[in-house]
Amino acid sequence: MMQYAITTQDNPINPLDDFRAWFVFDSLVNHYNTCDLLSRIAKTSDGLTDEENNQIISDAIDRIVATIPDPNGKSYVKVSKDISETIY
């Protein structure tokens, strides 16, 4: 299964690899609040499967990337990672 996240072009940190460092750069240093933007658009639910929620997140990111300029005037970027092999 693929996992998706959103970031800004100027953020050098992949949120799927180091979310804490990414979040510090995004929200605490630059005040972009990208997570808040995504949560307003991606209406996930505990009543849905992981796959369904993942698709909602992916679709919301696609919508943001296509229609909303990011706070620094560049663009948002969708990143992905295959987590099929991940063992918890």
C-alpha atoms as a PDB file:
ATOM      1  CA  MET A   1       0.000   0.000   0.000  1.00  0.00           C
ATOM      2  CA  MET A   2       1.184   3.494  -0.795  1.00  0.00           C
ATOM      3  CA  GLN A   3       1.224   6.191   1.850  1.00  0.00           C
ATOM      4  CA  TYR A   4       0.894   9.818   0.780  1.00  0.00           C
ATOM      5  CA  ALA A   5       1.842  13.152   2.305  1.00  0.00           C
ATOM      6  CA  ILE A   6       2.015  16.768   1.280  1.00  0.00           C
ATOM      7  CA  THR A   7       4.861  19.219   1.655  1.00  0.00           C
ATOM      8  CA  THR A   8       6.045  22.548   0.280  1.00  0.00           C
ATOM      9  CA  GLN A   9       8.770  22.905  -2.341  1.00  0.00           C
ATOM     10  CA  ASP A  10      11.084  24.690   0.068  1.00  0.00           C
ATOM     11  CA  ASN A  11      10.902  22.055   2.807  1.00  0.00           C
ATOM     12  CA  PRO A  12      13.979  19.821   2.471  1.00  0.00           C
ATOM     13  CA  ILE A  13      12.536  17.149   4.783  1.00  0.00           C
ATOM     14  CA  ASN A  14      10.250  14.359   3.590  1.00  0.00           C
ATOM     15  CA  PRO A  15       7.320  14.083   6.038  1.00  0.00           C
ATOM     16  CA  LEU A  16       7.145  10.330   5.442  1.00  0.00           C
ATOM     17  CA  ASP A  17      10.752   9.891   6.556  1.00  0.00           C
ATOM     18  CA  ASP A  18      11.026  12.349   9.476  1.00  0.00           C
ATOM     19  CA  PHE A  19       7.650  13.833  10.359  1.00  0.00           C
ATOM     20  CA  ARG A  20       8.829  15.682  13.480  1.00  0.00           C
ATOM     21  CA  ALA A  21      11.599  17.549  11.675  1.00  0.00           C
ATOM     22  CA  TRP A  22       9.295  18.219   8.732  1.00  0.00           C
ATOM     23  CA  PHE A  23       6.592  19.563  11.069  1.00  0.00           C
ATOM     24  CA  VAL A  24       9.042  21.888  12.832  1.00  0.00           C
ATOM     25  CA  PHE A  25      10.090  23.376   9.475  1.00  0.00           C
ATOM     26  CA  ASP A  26       6.518  23.584   8.165  1.00  0.00           C
ATOM     27  CA  SER A  27       4.532  24.772  11.157  1.00  0.00           C
ATOM     28  CA  LEU A  28       6.843  26.086  13.830  1.00  0.00           C
ATOM     29  CA  VAL A  29       9.497  27.823  11.707  1.00  0.00           C
ATOM     30  CA  ASN A  30       7.483  28.943   8.660  1.00  0.00           C
ATOM     31  CA  HIS A  31       3.894  28.879   9.994  1.00  0.00           C
ATOM     32  CA  TYR A  32       2.569  27.184   6.833  1.00  0.00           C
ATOM     33  CA  ASN A  33       0.318  24.797   8.792  1.00  0.00           C
ATOM     34  CA  THR A  34       0.107  22.353   5.907  1.00  0.00           C
ATOM     35  CA  CYS A  35      -1.370  19.659   8.178  1.00  0.00           C
ATOM     36  CA  ASP A  36      -4.267  21.962   9.030  1.00  0.00           C
ATOM     37  CA  LEU A  37      -4.918  22.622   5.344  1.00  0.00           C
ATOM     38  CA  LEU A  38      -4.926  18.909   4.556  1.00  0.00           C
ATOM     39  CA  SER A  39      -7.221  18.116   7.478  1.00  0.00           C
ATOM     40  CA  ARG A  40      -9.765  20.698   6.281  1.00  0.00           C
ATOM     41  CA  ILE A  41      -9.956  19.049   2.855  1.00  0.00           C
ATOM     42  CA  ALA A  42      -9.402  15.327   3.579  1.00  0.00           C
ATOM     43  CA  LYS A  43     -12.447  14.136   5.492  1.00  0.00           C
ATOM     44  CA  THR A  44     -11.154  10.844   6.892  1.00  0.00           C
ATOM     45  CA  SER A  45     -13.020   8.710   9.414  1.00  0.00           C
ATOM     46  CA  ASP A  46     -12.356   5.964  11.928  1.00  0.00           C
ATOM     47  CA  GLY A  47     -15.324   4.202  10.332  1.00  0.00           C
ATOM     48  CA  LEU A  48     -13.424   3.742   7.069  1.00  0.00           C
ATOM     49  CA  THR A  49     -10.689   1.269   6.227  1.00  0.00           C
ATOM     50  CA  ASP A  50      -7.057   2.346   6.056  1.00  0.00           C
ATOM     51  CA  GLU A  51      -7.213   1.996   2.290  1.00  0.00           C
ATOM     52  CA  GLU A  52     -10.307   4.219   2.048  1.00  0.00           C
ATOM     53  CA  ASN A  53      -8.776   6.885   4.292  1.00  0.00           C
ATOM     54  CA  ASN A  54      -5.532   6.679   2.331  1.00  0.00           C
ATOM     55  CA  GLN A  55      -7.432   7.288  -0.918  1.00  0.00           C
ATOM     56  CA  ILE A  56      -9.226  10.282   0.612  1.00  0.00           C
ATOM     57  CA  ILE A  57      -5.872  11.735   1.673  1.00  0.00           C
ATOM     58  CA  SER A  58      -4.360  11.098  -1.764  1.00  0.00           C
ATOM     59  CA  ASP A  59      -7.308  12.756  -3.524  1.00  0.00           C
ATOM     60  CA  ALA A  60      -7.195  15.760  -1.169  1.00  0.00           C
ATOM     61  CA  ILE A  61      -3.468  16.215  -1.772  1.00  0.00           C
ATOM     62  CA  ASP A  62      -4.035  16.060  -5.536  1.00  0.00           C
ATOM     63  CA  ARG A  63      -6.699  18.760  -5.186  1.00  0.00           C
ATOM     64  CA  ILE A  64      -4.428  20.997  -3.113  1.00  0.00           C
ATOM     65  CA  VAL A  65      -1.469  20.548  -5.473  1.00  0.00           C
ATOM     66  CA  ALA A  66      -3.659  21.386  -8.478  1.00  0.00           C
ATOM     67  CA  THR A  67      -5.507  24.391  -7.082  1.00  0.00           C
ATOM     68  CA  ILE A  68      -3.849  26.057  -4.090  1.00  0.00           C
ATOM     69  CA  PRO A  69      -0.531  27.908  -4.165  1.00  0.00           C
ATOM     70  CA  ASP A  70       1.520  27.302  -1.049  1.00  0.00           C
ATOM     71  CA  PRO A  71       2.286  30.107   1.405  1.00  0.00           C
ATOM     72  CA  ASN A  72       5.725  30.850  -0.060  1.00  0.00           C
ATOM     73  CA  GLY A  73       4.361  31.408  -3.560  1.00  0.00           C
ATOM     74  CA  LYS A  74       5.672  28.188  -5.088  1.00  0.00           C
ATOM     75  CA  SER A  75       3.590  25.016  -4.958  1.00  0.00           C
ATOM     76  CA  TYR A  76       2.692  22.099  -2.789  1.00  0.00           C
ATOM     77  CA  VAL A  77       4.221  18.729  -3.573  1.00  0.00           C
ATOM     78  CA  LYS A  78       2.789  15.239  -3.113  1.00  0.00           C
ATOM     79  CA  VAL A  79       5.216  12.635  -1.775  1.00  0.00           C
ATOM     80  CA  SER A  80       4.623   8.905  -1.484  1.00  0.00           C
ATOM     81  CA  LYS A  81       6.154   5.823   0.043  1.00  0.00           C
ATOM     82  CA  ASP A  82       5.363   2.148  -0.419  1.00  0.00           C
ATOM     83  CA  ILE A  83       4.606   0.770   3.036  1.00  0.00           C
ATOM     84  CA  SER A  84       3.584  -2.701   1.855  1.00  0.00           C
ATOM     85  CA  GLU A  85       6.785  -4.183   3.208  1.00  0.00           C
ATOM     86  CA  THR A  86       6.708  -2.256   6.508  1.00  0.00           C
ATOM     87  CA  ILE A  87       6.526  -4.471   9.585  1.00  0.00           C
ATOM     88  CA  TYR A  88       4.988  -2.923  12.681  1.00  0.00           C
END
